[in-house]
PDB file of N, CA and C in Angstrom:
ATOM      1  N   THR A   1     -33.561 -26.508  29.198  1.00  0.00           N
ATOM      2  CA  THR A   1     -34.041 -26.662  30.534  1.00  0.00           C
ATOM      3  C   THR A   1     -34.965 -25.792  30.498  1.00  0.00           C
ATOM      4  N   VAL A   2     -35.005 -25.784  31.982  1.00  0.00           N
ATOM      5  CA  VAL A   2     -36.570 -25.099  32.223  1.00  0.00           C
ATOM      6  C   VAL A   2     -36.135 -23.575  32.802  1.00  0.00           C
ATOM      7  N   TRP A   3     -34.627 -23.677  33.300  1.00  0.00           N
ATOM      8  CA  TRP A   3     -34.272 -22.323  33.563  1.00  0.00           C
ATOM      9  C   TRP A   3     -34.382 -21.735  33.405  1.00  0.00           C
ATOM     10  N   VAL A   4     -33.469 -21.842  31.184  1.00  0.00           N
ATOM     11  CA  VAL A   4     -33.273 -21.173  30.681  1.00  0.00           C
ATOM     12  C   VAL A   4     -34.347 -20.455  30.214  1.00  0.00           C
ATOM     13  N   ASP A   5     -35.712 -21.359  29.977  1.00  0.00           N
ATOM     14  CA  ASP A   5     -36.547 -21.084  29.467  1.00  0.00           C
ATOM     15  C   ASP A   5     -37.049 -19.662  30.150  1.00  0.00           C
ATOM     16  N   ASP A   6     -36.943 -20.061  31.282  1.00  0.00           N
ATOM     17  CA  ASP A   6     -37.498 -18.564  32.572  1.00  0.00           C
ATOM     18  C   ASP A   6     -36.929 -17.388  32.213  1.00  0.00           C
ATOM     19  N   GLU A   7     -35.334 -17.814  31.896  1.00  0.00           N
ATOM     20  CA  GLU A   7     -34.795 -16.842  31.759  1.00  0.00           C
ATOM     21  C   GLU A   7     -34.966 -15.708  30.631  1.00  0.00           C
ATOM     22  N   LEU A   8     -35.463 -16.544  29.855  1.00  0.00           N
ATOM     23  CA  LEU A   8     -36.495 -15.478  28.056  1.00  0.00           C
ATOM     24  C   LEU A   8     -37.723 -15.202  28.745  1.00  0.00           C
ATOM     25  N   LEU A   9     -38.022 -15.888  29.270  1.00  0.00           N
ATOM     26  CA  LEU A   9     -39.452 -15.379  29.916  1.00  0.00           C
ATOM     27  C   LEU A   9     -39.333 -14.274  30.431  1.00  0.00           C
ATOM     28  N   LEU A  10     -37.738 -14.158  31.243  1.00  0.00           N
ATOM     29  CA  LEU A  10     -37.684 -13.158  31.991  1.00  0.00           C
ATOM     30  C   LEU A  10     -37.379 -11.429  31.194  1.00  0.00           C
ATOM     31  N   LYS A  11     -36.869 -11.813  30.085  1.00  0.00           N
ATOM     32  CA  LYS A  11     -36.970 -10.784  29.245  1.00  0.00           C
ATOM     33  C   LYS A  11     -37.882 -10.561  28.738  1.00  0.00           C
ATOM     34  N   GLU A  12     -38.502 -11.025  28.740  1.00  0.00           N
ATOM     35  CA  GLU A  12     -40.522 -10.745  27.936  1.00  0.00           C
ATOM     36  C   GLU A  12     -40.906 -10.417  28.943  1.00  0.00           C
ATOM     37  N   GLY A  13     -40.575 -10.173  30.388  1.00  0.00           N
ATOM     38  CA  GLY A  13     -41.026  -9.495  31.164  1.00  0.00           C
ATOM     39  C   GLY A  13     -42.264 -10.822  32.151  1.00  0.00           C
ATOM     40  N   LYS A  14     -42.408 -11.915  30.853  1.00  0.00           N
ATOM     41  CA  LYS A  14     -43.901 -12.528  30.880  1.00  0.00           C
ATOM     42  C   LYS A  14     -42.857 -14.213  32.464  1.00  0.00           C
ATOM     43  N   VAL A  15     -42.934 -13.437  34.058  1.00  0.00           N
ATOM     44  CA  VAL A  15     -42.454 -15.053  34.441  1.00  0.00           C
ATOM     45  C   VAL A  15     -43.514 -15.611  34.819  1.00  0.00           C
ATOM     46  N   VAL A  16     -43.530 -17.040  34.200  1.00  0.00           N
ATOM     47  CA  VAL A  16     -45.000 -17.736  34.108  1.00  0.00           C
ATOM     48  C   VAL A  16     -44.818 -18.639  35.948  1.00  0.00           C
ATOM     49  N   HIS A  17     -43.733 -18.532  36.066  1.00  0.00           N
ATOM     50  CA  HIS A  17     -43.406 -19.940  37.305  1.00  0.00           C
ATOM     51  C   HIS A  17     -42.638 -19.300  38.292  1.00  0.00           C
ATOM     52  N   PRO A  18     -42.980 -18.189  39.161  1.00  0.00           N
ATOM     53  CA  PRO A  18     -42.021 -17.024  40.043  1.00  0.00           C
ATOM     54  C   PRO A  18     -40.638 -18.219  40.320  1.00  0.00           C
ATOM     55  N   GLU A  19     -41.158 -20.142  40.548  1.00  0.00           N
ATOM     56  CA  GLU A  19     -40.812 -20.776  41.283  1.00  0.00           C
ATOM     57  C   GLU A  19     -39.046 -21.010  40.432  1.00  0.00           C
ATOM     58  N   LEU A  20     -39.459 -21.432  39.457  1.00  0.00           N
ATOM     59  CA  LEU A  20     -38.585 -21.401  38.767  1.00  0.00           C
ATOM     60  C   LEU A  20     -37.769 -19.794  38.324  1.00  0.00           C
ATOM     61  N   SER A  21     -37.912 -18.902  38.446  1.00  0.00           N
ATOM     62  CA  SER A  21     -37.354 -17.696  38.847  1.00  0.00           C
ATOM     63  C   SER A  21     -36.354 -17.526  40.265  1.00  0.00           C
ATOM     64  N   GLU A  22     -36.697 -18.242  41.212  1.00  0.00           N
ATOM     65  CA  GLU A  22     -36.186 -18.601  41.936  1.00  0.00           C
ATOM     66  C   GLU A  22     -35.059 -19.539  41.841  1.00  0.00           C
ATOM     67  N   ILE A  23     -35.947 -20.396  40.862  1.00  0.00           N
ATOM     68  CA  ILE A  23     -33.965 -21.046  40.299  1.00  0.00           C
ATOM     69  C   ILE A  23     -33.100 -20.926  39.871  1.00  0.00           C
ATOM     70  N   ALA A  24     -33.696 -19.919  38.699  1.00  0.00           N
ATOM     71  CA  ALA A  24     -32.769 -19.466  37.706  1.00  0.00           C
ATOM     72  C   ALA A  24     -31.477 -18.811  38.599  1.00  0.00           C
ATOM     73  N   GLN A  25     -31.979 -18.668  39.440  1.00  0.00           N
ATOM     74  CA  GLN A  25     -31.676 -16.976  40.387  1.00  0.00           C
ATOM     75  C   GLN A  25     -29.690 -17.965  40.856  1.00  0.00           C
ATOM     76  N   ALA A  26     -30.699 -19.610  42.099  1.00  0.00           N
ATOM     77  CA  ALA A  26     -29.946 -19.499  42.647  1.00  0.00           C
ATOM     78  C   ALA A  26     -28.745 -20.625  41.406  1.00  0.00           C
ATOM     79  N   MET A  27     -29.308 -21.519  40.210  1.00  0.00           N
ATOM     80  CA  MET A  27     -28.044 -20.690  38.955  1.00  0.00           C
ATOM     81  C   MET A  27     -27.254 -20.182  38.914  1.00  0.00           C
ATOM     82  N   GLY A  28     -27.776 -18.861  39.596  1.00  0.00           N
ATOM     83  CA  GLY A  28     -26.448 -17.568  39.148  1.00  0.00           C
ATOM     84  C   GLY A  28     -26.414 -16.702  38.289  1.00  0.00           C
ATOM     85  N   LYS A  29     -28.224 -16.915  37.290  1.00  0.00           N
ATOM     86  CA  LYS A  29     -28.462 -16.308  36.279  1.00  0.00           C
ATOM     87  C   LYS A  29     -29.050 -14.660  37.411  1.00  0.00           C
TER      88      LYS A  29
END
């Protein structure tokens, strides 16, 4: 899922899509 992948990217310090980051926060991540 995109938000899980984004979460992994956040851990790597590489946010490819900030929009997905917002979605991840909305999902409670």
